[in-house]
Amino acid sequence: MKKHHLKWLWVILVALVVIGGIGGLIYQRFTTSNKTVRVGLVGTDALPVWQDVAKRLKKEGITLKFVTFNDYVQPDVALKDGKIDLHSCLTRYYFESYNKKEDAHLVSIGNTVISPLGLYSKKYNALKDLPDGATIAIPNEPTTLGRGLNLLQSAGLIKVKKDSGIKPSLQDITSNPRNFKFKEVEPAMAARTLDSVDASIINGNYAEAANLNPKKDSIYLEPVNKSTKPYVNIIAAQEKDRDNPVYEKIVATYQTEATKEVIDKTYKGAQIAAWPQFGKN
């Protein structure tokens, strides 16, 4: 009799495990299907890649609705206020600065791309060709200016204070042996100055807009390594959604070889897939 009861106990336990597993699969499928997610983007620059991701997610029952903004502050506020669900197109450095300043309780859930800065010139074909006293245009936005100076340091043209971090200023230059002159310009105007300066530091997106190919047209391109990790673009969500299965599915679908191929084809080096180098998040 006891053996009979033991046999049925095992049957019941196995059945519960099976039912639980099926239930879990059903729950997971339910929670990641038939969902509309509002994704904030700055401008339309990232749309070609995100639209490709959206097509693949549509087959999984997830619909992406894109909400575009004109600057980088508005989408952060919208995400904080719950008017959008995710925000892409912001660098890790800017995100962390905003989070701390506004006590926003937002989290990064995935790396997307990095847009390397480049040094371009219409007059010279190589760094060694730049003459002493050359004028170099540099974006005047503080973070990008500091990034530009670090770019020139990595190229061996100048040196900045060791403790200036990722935001050195022109006053932090400690060595400028070739007496380069620097002309501060609006980031969006950097490409337009190429006719009037010897070289110009240009953001990846503005280089692309000016039909410049970073890999072919720059005389020096920012190295993508641990020093440039703060400039990786991320996908941000509210803290409560850190482990949201729908958002995890979106990140997983974005971080695929298919997406990388679209990035490479669309931006030709102006943007580079970040997750192969810097990890998923």
C-alpha atoms as a PDB file:
ATOM      1  CA  MET A   1       0.000   0.000   0.000  1.00  0.00           C
ATOM      2  CA  LYS A   2       2.821   2.323   0.888  1.00  0.00           C
ATOM      3  CA  LYS A   3       4.553   1.571  -2.420  1.00  0.00           C
ATOM      4  CA  HIS A   4       1.307   2.353  -4.229  1.00  0.00           C
ATOM      5  CA  HIS A   5       1.024   5.730  -2.473  1.00  0.00           C
ATOM      6  CA  LEU A   6       4.692   6.504  -3.180  1.00  0.00           C
ATOM      7  CA  LYS A   7       4.198   5.761  -6.868  1.00  0.00           C
ATOM      8  CA  TRP A   8       1.271   8.174  -7.099  1.00  0.00           C
ATOM      9  CA  LEU A   9       3.184  10.804  -5.153  1.00  0.00           C
ATOM     10  CA  TRP A  10       5.922  10.705  -7.794  1.00  0.00           C
ATOM     11  CA  VAL A  11       3.336  10.962 -10.565  1.00  0.00           C
ATOM     12  CA  ILE A  12       1.806  14.035  -8.929  1.00  0.00           C
ATOM     13  CA  LEU A  13       5.196  15.692  -8.426  1.00  0.00           C
ATOM     14  CA  VAL A  14       6.216  15.104 -12.053  1.00  0.00           C
ATOM     15  CA  ALA A  15       2.865  16.470 -13.229  1.00  0.00           C
ATOM     16  CA  LEU A  16       3.310  19.606 -11.124  1.00  0.00           C
ATOM     17  CA  VAL A  17       6.789  20.175 -12.541  1.00  0.00           C
ATOM     18  CA  VAL A  18       5.521  19.778 -16.119  1.00  0.00           C
ATOM     19  CA  ILE A  19       2.520  22.022 -15.524  1.00  0.00           C
ATOM     20  CA  GLY A  20       4.739  24.601 -13.850  1.00  0.00           C
ATOM     21  CA  GLY A  21       7.147  24.583 -16.770  1.00  0.00           C
ATOM     22  CA  ILE A  22       4.373  24.969 -19.313  1.00  0.00           C
ATOM     23  CA  GLY A  23       2.834  27.687 -17.195  1.00  0.00           C
ATOM     24  CA  GLY A  24       6.150  29.505 -17.063  1.00  0.00           C
ATOM     25  CA  LEU A  25       6.500  29.355 -20.820  1.00  0.00           C
ATOM     26  CA  ILE A  26       2.947  30.593 -21.273  1.00  0.00           C
ATOM     27  CA  TYR A  27       3.575  33.417 -18.797  1.00  0.00           C
ATOM     28  CA  GLN A  28       6.810  34.403 -20.493  1.00  0.00           C
ATOM     29  CA  ARG A  29       5.151  34.371 -23.901  1.00  0.00           C
ATOM     30  CA  PHE A  30       2.239  36.419 -22.551  1.00  0.00           C
ATOM     31  CA  THR A  31       4.477  39.000 -20.911  1.00  0.00           C
ATOM     32  CA  THR A  32       6.612  39.497 -24.027  1.00  0.00           C
ATOM     33  CA  SER A  33       3.824  39.502 -26.610  1.00  0.00           C
ATOM     34  CA  ASN A  34       1.180  41.944 -27.805  1.00  0.00           C
ATOM     35  CA  LYS A  35       3.001  44.839 -26.213  1.00  0.00           C
ATOM     36  CA  THR A  36       3.528  48.384 -27.502  1.00  0.00           C
ATOM     37  CA  VAL A  37       6.691  50.063 -26.258  1.00  0.00           C
ATOM     38  CA  ARG A  38       7.341  53.791 -26.677  1.00  0.00           C
ATOM     39  CA  VAL A  39      10.989  54.424 -27.582  1.00  0.00           C
ATOM     40  CA  GLY A  40      12.408  57.943 -27.398  1.00  0.00           C
ATOM     41  CA  LEU A  41      14.929  58.966 -30.072  1.00  0.00           C
ATOM     42  CA  VAL A  42      16.735  62.239 -30.719  1.00  0.00           C
ATOM     43  CA  GLY A  43      16.061  63.226 -34.319  1.00  0.00           C
ATOM     44  CA  THR A  44      15.748  60.559 -37.001  1.00  0.00           C
ATOM     45  CA  ASP A  45      19.394  59.542 -37.302  1.00  0.00           C
ATOM     46  CA  ALA A  46      18.894  56.217 -35.495  1.00  0.00           C
ATOM     47  CA  LEU A  47      15.609  55.319 -37.181  1.00  0.00           C
ATOM     48  CA  PRO A  48      17.015  53.069 -39.953  1.00  0.00           C
ATOM     49  CA  VAL A  49      18.483  50.698 -37.369  1.00  0.00           C
ATOM     50  CA  TRP A  50      15.564  50.825 -34.958  1.00  0.00           C
ATOM     51  CA  GLN A  51      13.035  50.266 -37.747  1.00  0.00           C
ATOM     52  CA  ASP A  52      14.894  47.112 -38.734  1.00  0.00           C
ATOM     53  CA  VAL A  53      14.822  45.945 -35.107  1.00  0.00           C
ATOM     54  CA  ALA A  54      11.111  46.787 -34.953  1.00  0.00           C
ATOM     55  CA  LYS A  55      10.355  44.518 -37.924  1.00  0.00           C
ATOM     56  CA  ARG A  56      11.932  41.566 -36.174  1.00  0.00           C
ATOM     57  CA  LEU A  57      10.208  42.340 -32.869  1.00  0.00           C
ATOM     58  CA  LYS A  58       6.852  42.578 -34.607  1.00  0.00           C
ATOM     59  CA  LYS A  59       7.087  38.834 -35.288  1.00  0.00           C
ATOM     60  CA  GLU A  60       7.474  38.338 -31.525  1.00  0.00           C
ATOM     61  CA  GLY A  61       4.322  40.314 -30.773  1.00  0.00           C
ATOM     62  CA  ILE A  62       6.153  43.472 -29.674  1.00  0.00           C
ATOM     63  CA  THR A  63       5.381  46.789 -31.377  1.00  0.00           C
ATOM     64  CA  LEU A  64       7.784  49.716 -31.121  1.00  0.00           C
ATOM     65  CA  LYS A  65       6.376  53.234 -31.276  1.00  0.00           C
ATOM     66  CA  PHE A  66       9.058  55.848 -31.905  1.00  0.00           C
ATOM     67  CA  VAL A  67       8.826  59.271 -30.283  1.00  0.00           C
ATOM     68  CA  THR A  68      11.384  61.764 -31.619  1.00  0.00           C
ATOM     69  CA  PHE A  69      12.783  64.763 -29.776  1.00  0.00           C
ATOM     70  CA  ASN A  70      14.869  67.758 -30.805  1.00  0.00           C
ATOM     71  CA  ASP A  71      17.401  67.660 -27.967  1.00  0.00           C
ATOM     72  CA  TYR A  72      18.853  65.257 -25.413  1.00  0.00           C
ATOM     73  CA  VAL A  73      17.106  66.689 -22.338  1.00  0.00           C
ATOM     74  CA  GLN A  74      13.476  66.257 -23.397  1.00  0.00           C
ATOM     75  CA  PRO A  75      13.553  62.440 -23.731  1.00  0.00           C
ATOM     76  CA  ASP A  76      15.233  62.077 -20.333  1.00  0.00           C
ATOM     77  CA  VAL A  77      12.442  64.103 -18.746  1.00  0.00           C
ATOM     78  CA  ALA A  78       9.823  62.146 -20.685  1.00  0.00           C
ATOM     79  CA  LEU A  79      11.302  58.842 -19.506  1.00  0.00           C
ATOM     80  CA  LYS A  80      11.483  60.045 -15.915  1.00  0.00           C
ATOM     81  CA  ASP A  81       7.832  61.121 -16.113  1.00  0.00           C
ATOM     82  CA  GLY A  82       6.708  57.868 -17.741  1.00  0.00           C
ATOM     83  CA  LYS A  83       5.660  59.467 -21.031  1.00  0.00           C
ATOM     84  CA  ILE A  84       7.974  57.068 -22.896  1.00  0.00           C
ATOM     85  CA  ASP A  85       9.135  53.594 -21.893  1.00  0.00           C
ATOM     86  CA  LEU A  86      12.717  53.565 -23.205  1.00  0.00           C
ATOM     87  CA  HIS A  87      15.198  56.161 -24.384  1.00  0.00           C
ATOM     88  CA  SER A  88      17.993  55.465 -26.848  1.00  0.00           C
ATOM     89  CA  CYS A  89      20.628  57.791 -28.366  1.00  0.00           C
ATOM     90  CA  LEU A  90      22.314  59.108 -25.241  1.00  0.00           C
ATOM     91  CA  THR A  91      25.850  58.473 -24.109  1.00  0.00           C
ATOM     92  CA  ARG A  92      26.630  56.706 -20.866  1.00  0.00           C
ATOM     93  CA  TYR A  93      28.473  59.791 -19.601  1.00  0.00           C
ATOM     94  CA  TYR A  94      25.553  62.130 -20.264  1.00  0.00           C
ATOM     95  CA  PHE A  95      23.090  59.605 -18.851  1.00  0.00           C
ATOM     96  CA  GLU A  96      25.004  59.213 -15.596  1.00  0.00           C
ATOM     97  CA  SER A  97      25.397  62.984 -15.258  1.00  0.00           C
ATOM     98  CA  TYR A  98      21.669  63.570 -15.792  1.00  0.00           C
ATOM     99  CA  ASN A  99      20.703  60.754 -13.430  1.00  0.00           C
ATOM    100  CA  LYS A 100      22.835  62.174 -10.646  1.00  0.00           C
ATOM    101  CA  LYS A 101      21.823  65.792 -11.193  1.00  0.00           C
ATOM    102  CA  GLU A 102      18.083  65.122 -11.391  1.00  0.00           C
ATOM    103  CA  ASP A 103      17.925  62.102  -9.040  1.00  0.00           C
ATOM    104  CA  ALA A 104      16.047  60.456 -11.908  1.00  0.00           C
ATOM    105  CA  HIS A 105      16.355  56.766 -10.927  1.00  0.00           C
ATOM    106  CA  LEU A 106      16.880  55.650 -14.512  1.00  0.00           C
ATOM    107  CA  VAL A 107      18.982  52.624 -15.458  1.00  0.00           C
ATOM    108  CA  SER A 108      20.963  51.490 -18.473  1.00  0.00           C
ATOM    109  CA  ILE A 109      19.707  48.176 -19.842  1.00  0.00           C
ATOM    110  CA  GLY A 110      21.831  47.808 -22.981  1.00  0.00           C
ATOM    111  CA  ASN A 111      24.655  49.210 -25.105  1.00  0.00           C
ATOM    112  CA  THR A 112      23.871  50.254 -28.675  1.00  0.00           C
ATOM    113  CA  VAL A 113      26.491  52.184 -30.679  1.00  0.00           C
ATOM    114  CA  ILE A 114      29.458  54.479 -30.327  1.00  0.00           C
ATOM    115  CA  SER A 115      30.166  57.345 -32.732  1.00  0.00           C
ATOM    116  CA  PRO A 116      33.913  57.947 -32.929  1.00  0.00           C
ATOM    117  CA  LEU A 117      35.202  61.496 -33.211  1.00  0.00           C
ATOM    118  CA  GLY A 118      37.392  62.088 -36.214  1.00  0.00           C
ATOM    119  CA  LEU A 119      39.983  64.654 -37.252  1.00  0.00           C
ATOM    120  CA  TYR A 120      39.334  65.744 -40.842  1.00  0.00           C
ATOM    121  CA  SER A 121      41.136  68.015 -43.269  1.00  0.00           C
ATOM    122  CA  LYS A 122      40.599  69.179 -46.833  1.00  0.00           C
ATOM    123  CA  LYS A 123      44.177  70.440 -47.072  1.00  0.00           C
ATOM    124  CA  TYR A 124      46.238  67.579 -45.658  1.00  0.00           C
ATOM    125  CA  ASN A 125      46.126  63.818 -46.051  1.00  0.00           C
ATOM    126  CA  ALA A 126      47.894  62.729 -42.855  1.00  0.00           C
ATOM    127  CA  LEU A 127      48.682  63.882 -39.326  1.00  0.00           C
ATOM    128  CA  LYS A 128      52.342  64.332 -40.193  1.00  0.00           C
ATOM    129  CA  ASP A 129      51.382  66.783 -42.928  1.00  0.00           C
ATOM    130  CA  LEU A 130      49.774  69.265 -40.530  1.00  0.00           C
ATOM    131  CA  PRO A 131      52.088  72.290 -40.357  1.00  0.00           C
ATOM    132  CA  ASP A 132      53.321  73.896 -37.161  1.00  0.00           C
ATOM    133  CA  GLY A 133      50.853  76.549 -36.052  1.00  0.00           C
ATOM    134  CA  ALA A 134      47.938  74.857 -37.858  1.00  0.00           C
ATOM    135  CA  THR A 135      44.441  75.928 -36.825  1.00  0.00           C
ATOM    136  CA  ILE A 136      42.216  73.097 -35.648  1.00  0.00           C
ATOM    137  CA  ALA A 137      38.468  73.582 -35.189  1.00  0.00           C
ATOM    138  CA  ILE A 138      37.154  71.897 -32.053  1.00  0.00           C
ATOM    139  CA  PRO A 139      33.529  71.552 -30.836  1.00  0.00           C
ATOM    140  CA  ASN A 140      32.810  74.064 -28.045  1.00  0.00           C
ATOM    141  CA  GLU A 141      30.389  71.878 -26.071  1.00  0.00           C
ATOM    142  CA  PRO A 142      32.402  71.115 -22.874  1.00  0.00           C
ATOM    143  CA  THR A 143      32.145  67.325 -22.970  1.00  0.00           C
ATOM    144  CA  THR A 144      32.908  67.114 -26.685  1.00  0.00           C
ATOM    145  CA  LEU A 145      35.706  69.674 -26.382  1.00  0.00           C
ATOM    146  CA  GLY A 146      37.329  67.525 -23.701  1.00  0.00           C
ATOM    147  CA  ARG A 147      36.812  64.454 -25.813  1.00  0.00           C
ATOM    148  CA  GLY A 148      38.410  66.248 -28.751  1.00  0.00           C
ATOM    149  CA  LEU A 149      41.480  67.166 -26.706  1.00  0.00           C
ATOM    150  CA  ASN A 150      41.825  63.554 -25.590  1.00  0.00           C
ATOM    151  CA  LEU A 151      41.549  62.576 -29.252  1.00  0.00           C
ATOM    152  CA  LEU A 152      44.465  64.864 -30.124  1.00  0.00           C
ATOM    153  CA  GLN A 153      46.426  63.481 -27.179  1.00  0.00           C
ATOM    154  CA  SER A 154      45.847  59.901 -28.352  1.00  0.00           C
ATOM    155  CA  ALA A 155      47.137  61.016 -31.769  1.00  0.00           C
ATOM    156  CA  GLY A 156      50.336  62.245 -30.116  1.00  0.00           C
ATOM    157  CA  LEU A 157      49.772  65.907 -31.036  1.00  0.00           C
ATOM    158  CA  ILE A 158      49.288  67.419 -27.559  1.00  0.00           C
ATOM    159  CA  LYS A 159      49.275  66.459 -23.882  1.00  0.00           C
ATOM    160  CA  VAL A 160      46.729  67.379 -21.214  1.00  0.00           C
ATOM    161  CA  LYS A 161      46.809  67.230 -17.424  1.00  0.00           C
ATOM    162  CA  LYS A 162      46.669  63.650 -16.179  1.00  0.00           C
ATOM    163  CA  ASP A 163      43.935  64.410 -13.661  1.00  0.00           C
ATOM    164  CA  SER A 164      41.666  66.212 -16.156  1.00  0.00           C
ATOM    165  CA  GLY A 165      39.747  62.987 -16.895  1.00  0.00           C
ATOM    166  CA  ILE A 166      37.340  62.952 -19.812  1.00  0.00           C
ATOM    167  CA  LYS A 167      36.596  66.693 -19.712  1.00  0.00           C
ATOM    168  CA  PRO A 168      39.893  68.569 -20.084  1.00  0.00           C
ATOM    169  CA  SER A 169      39.649  72.194 -21.175  1.00  0.00           C
ATOM    170  CA  LEU A 170      41.986  74.194 -23.376  1.00  0.00           C
ATOM    171  CA  GLN A 171      43.600  75.452 -20.162  1.00  0.00           C
ATOM    172  CA  ASP A 172      44.513  71.841 -19.305  1.00  0.00           C
ATOM    173  CA  ILE A 173      46.867  71.500 -22.278  1.00  0.00           C
ATOM    174  CA  THR A 174      50.358  70.945 -20.840  1.00  0.00           C
ATOM    175  CA  SER A 175      52.252  70.349 -24.064  1.00  0.00           C
ATOM    176  CA  ASN A 176      51.617  71.703 -27.561  1.00  0.00           C
ATOM    177  CA  PRO A 177      55.026  71.363 -29.267  1.00  0.00           C
ATOM    178  CA  ARG A 178      53.722  72.243 -32.723  1.00  0.00           C
ATOM    179  CA  ASN A 179      51.893  75.352 -31.505  1.00  0.00           C
ATOM    180  CA  PHE A 180      48.504  74.371 -32.858  1.00  0.00           C
ATOM    181  CA  LYS A 181      45.799  77.008 -32.586  1.00  0.00           C
ATOM    182  CA  PHE A 182      42.263  76.003 -31.613  1.00  0.00           C
ATOM    183  CA  LYS A 183      39.069  77.535 -32.937  1.00  0.00           C
ATOM    184  CA  GLU A 184      35.990  76.681 -30.879  1.00  0.00           C
ATOM    185  CA  VAL A 185      32.862  76.098 -32.982  1.00  0.00           C
ATOM    186  CA  GLU A 186      29.383  74.728 -32.514  1.00  0.00           C
ATOM    187  CA  PRO A 187      29.486  70.904 -32.959  1.00  0.00           C
ATOM    188  CA  ALA A 188      27.026  71.094 -35.847  1.00  0.00           C
ATOM    189  CA  MET A 189      29.236  73.665 -37.609  1.00  0.00           C
ATOM    190  CA  ALA A 190      32.511  71.721 -37.342  1.00  0.00           C
ATOM    191  CA  ALA A 191      32.212  70.145 -40.801  1.00  0.00           C
ATOM    192  CA  ARG A 192      31.445  73.519 -42.395  1.00  0.00           C
ATOM    193  CA  THR A 193      34.703  74.998 -41.128  1.00  0.00           C
ATOM    194  CA  LEU A 194      36.852  72.629 -43.198  1.00  0.00           C
ATOM    195  CA  ASP A 195      37.332  75.278 -45.903  1.00  0.00           C
ATOM    196  CA  SER A 196      38.638  77.861 -43.441  1.00  0.00           C
ATOM    197  CA  VAL A 197      40.816  75.816 -41.054  1.00  0.00           C
ATOM    198  CA  ASP A 198      43.627  73.311 -41.443  1.00  0.00           C
ATOM    199  CA  ALA A 199      41.710  70.505 -39.724  1.00  0.00           C
ATOM    200  CA  SER A 200      38.494  70.006 -37.791  1.00  0.00           C
ATOM    201  CA  ILE A 201      37.322  67.590 -35.109  1.00  0.00           C
ATOM    202  CA  ILE A 202      33.875  66.346 -36.107  1.00  0.00           C
ATOM    203  CA  ASN A 203      31.316  64.143 -34.343  1.00  0.00           C
ATOM    204  CA  GLY A 204      30.374  60.948 -36.163  1.00  0.00           C
ATOM    205  CA  ASN A 205      26.780  61.991 -36.845  1.00  0.00           C
ATOM    206  CA  TYR A 206      27.795  65.387 -38.238  1.00  0.00           C
ATOM    207  CA  ALA A 207      30.493  63.770 -40.353  1.00  0.00           C
ATOM    208  CA  GLU A 208      27.882  61.460 -41.828  1.00  0.00           C
ATOM    209  CA  ALA A 209      25.531  64.392 -42.499  1.00  0.00           C
ATOM    210  CA  ALA A 210      28.376  66.106 -44.384  1.00  0.00           C
ATOM    211  CA  ASN A 211      28.925  62.967 -46.496  1.00  0.00           C
ATOM    212  CA  LEU A 212      32.259  62.248 -44.834  1.00  0.00           C
ATOM    213  CA  ASN A 213      33.261  58.634 -44.413  1.00  0.00           C
ATOM    214  CA  PRO A 214      35.092  58.363 -41.059  1.00  0.00           C
ATOM    215  CA  LYS A 215      37.143  55.358 -42.141  1.00  0.00           C
ATOM    216  CA  LYS A 216      38.211  56.840 -45.472  1.00  0.00           C
ATOM    217  CA  ASP A 217      38.107  60.609 -45.020  1.00  0.00           C
ATOM    218  CA  SER A 218      39.468  61.205 -41.515  1.00  0.00           C
ATOM    219  CA  ILE A 219      43.198  61.714 -40.999  1.00  0.00           C
ATOM    220  CA  TYR A 220      42.783  60.308 -37.489  1.00  0.00           C
ATOM    221  CA  LEU A 221      39.889  58.443 -35.937  1.00  0.00           C
ATOM    222  CA  GLU A 222      39.191  58.111 -32.223  1.00  0.00           C
ATOM    223  CA  PRO A 223      40.272  54.679 -30.947  1.00  0.00           C
ATOM    224  CA  VAL A 224      37.450  52.553 -29.585  1.00  0.00           C
ATOM    225  CA  ASN A 225      38.760  51.218 -26.282  1.00  0.00           C
ATOM    226  CA  LYS A 226      38.130  51.451 -22.538  1.00  0.00           C
ATOM    227  CA  SER A 227      38.924  55.179 -22.561  1.00  0.00           C
ATOM    228  CA  THR A 228      35.978  55.825 -24.875  1.00  0.00           C
ATOM    229  CA  LYS A 229      33.451  53.691 -22.981  1.00  0.00           C
ATOM    230  CA  PRO A 230      31.781  56.804 -21.474  1.00  0.00           C
ATOM    231  CA  TYR A 231      30.735  57.757 -25.011  1.00  0.00           C
ATOM    232  CA  VAL A 232      28.894  54.511 -25.731  1.00  0.00           C
ATOM    233  CA  ASN A 233      25.210  55.088 -26.438  1.00  0.00           C
ATOM    234  CA  ILE A 234      22.777  53.136 -24.290  1.00  0.00           C
ATOM    235  CA  ILE A 235      19.130  52.199 -23.913  1.00  0.00           C
ATOM    236  CA  ALA A 236      17.693  53.610 -20.696  1.00  0.00           C
ATOM    237  CA  ALA A 237      14.599  52.615 -18.718  1.00  0.00           C
ATOM    238  CA  GLN A 238      13.041  53.461 -15.383  1.00  0.00           C
ATOM    239  CA  GLU A 239      14.626  51.643 -12.451  1.00  0.00           C
ATOM    240  CA  LYS A 240      11.470  49.627 -11.806  1.00  0.00           C
ATOM    241  CA  ASP A 241      11.762  48.181 -15.322  1.00  0.00           C
ATOM    242  CA  ARG A 242      15.337  46.987 -14.998  1.00  0.00           C
ATOM    243  CA  ASP A 243      14.273  43.326 -15.414  1.00  0.00           C
ATOM    244  CA  ASN A 244      11.193  43.874 -17.585  1.00  0.00           C
ATOM    245  CA  PRO A 245      11.064  40.799 -19.893  1.00  0.00           C
ATOM    246  CA  VAL A 246       9.699  42.826 -22.811  1.00  0.00           C
ATOM    247  CA  TYR A 247      12.538  45.311 -22.597  1.00  0.00           C
ATOM    248  CA  GLU A 248      15.065  42.506 -22.214  1.00  0.00           C
ATOM    249  CA  LYS A 249      13.707  41.030 -25.442  1.00  0.00           C
ATOM    250  CA  ILE A 250      14.093  44.397 -27.186  1.00  0.00           C
ATOM    251  CA  VAL A 251      17.718  44.693 -26.075  1.00  0.00           C
ATOM    252  CA  ALA A 252      18.461  41.093 -27.086  1.00  0.00           C
ATOM    253  CA  THR A 253      16.951  41.688 -30.533  1.00  0.00           C
ATOM    254  CA  TYR A 254      18.939  44.893 -30.956  1.00  0.00           C
ATOM    255  CA  GLN A 255      22.224  43.281 -29.938  1.00  0.00           C
ATOM    256  CA  THR A 256      22.417  40.811 -32.804  1.00  0.00           C
ATOM    257  CA  GLU A 257      24.606  40.328 -35.847  1.00  0.00           C
ATOM    258  CA  ALA A 258      21.655  41.363 -38.016  1.00  0.00           C
ATOM    259  CA  THR A 259      21.571  44.764 -36.315  1.00  0.00           C
ATOM    260  CA  LYS A 260      25.338  45.154 -36.568  1.00  0.00           C
ATOM    261  CA  GLU A 261      25.130  44.582 -40.317  1.00  0.00           C
ATOM    262  CA  VAL A 262      22.510  47.339 -40.633  1.00  0.00           C
ATOM    263  CA  ILE A 263      24.663  49.704 -38.552  1.00  0.00           C
ATOM    264  CA  ASP A 264      27.751  49.025 -40.679  1.00  0.00           C
ATOM    265  CA  LYS A 265      25.841  49.396 -43.933  1.00  0.00           C
ATOM    266  CA  THR A 266      23.952  52.528 -42.893  1.00  0.00           C
ATOM    267  CA  TYR A 267      26.643  54.558 -41.149  1.00  0.00           C
ATOM    268  CA  LYS A 268      29.873  53.330 -42.780  1.00  0.00           C
ATOM    269  CA  GLY A 269      31.947  53.861 -39.644  1.00  0.00           C
ATOM    270  CA  ALA A 270      30.184  56.975 -38.341  1.00  0.00           C
ATOM    271  CA  GLN A 271      28.556  54.647 -35.817  1.00  0.00           C
ATOM    272  CA  ILE A 272      29.923  51.313 -34.609  1.00  0.00           C
ATOM    273  CA  ALA A 273      28.099  48.522 -32.782  1.00  0.00           C
ATOM    274  CA  ALA A 274      29.195  48.878 -29.144  1.00  0.00           C
ATOM    275  CA  TRP A 275      28.151  45.603 -27.519  1.00  0.00           C
ATOM    276  CA  PRO A 276      30.785  43.380 -29.221  1.00  0.00           C
ATOM    277  CA  GLN A 277      33.503  45.581 -27.683  1.00  0.00           C
ATOM    278  CA  PHE A 278      31.963  46.789 -24.419  1.00  0.00           C
ATOM    279  CA  GLY A 279      29.507  44.017 -23.525  1.00  0.00           C
ATOM    280  CA  LYS A 280      25.746  43.900 -23.440  1.00  0.00           C
ATOM    281  CA  ASN A 281      25.433  46.607 -20.808  1.00  0.00           C
END
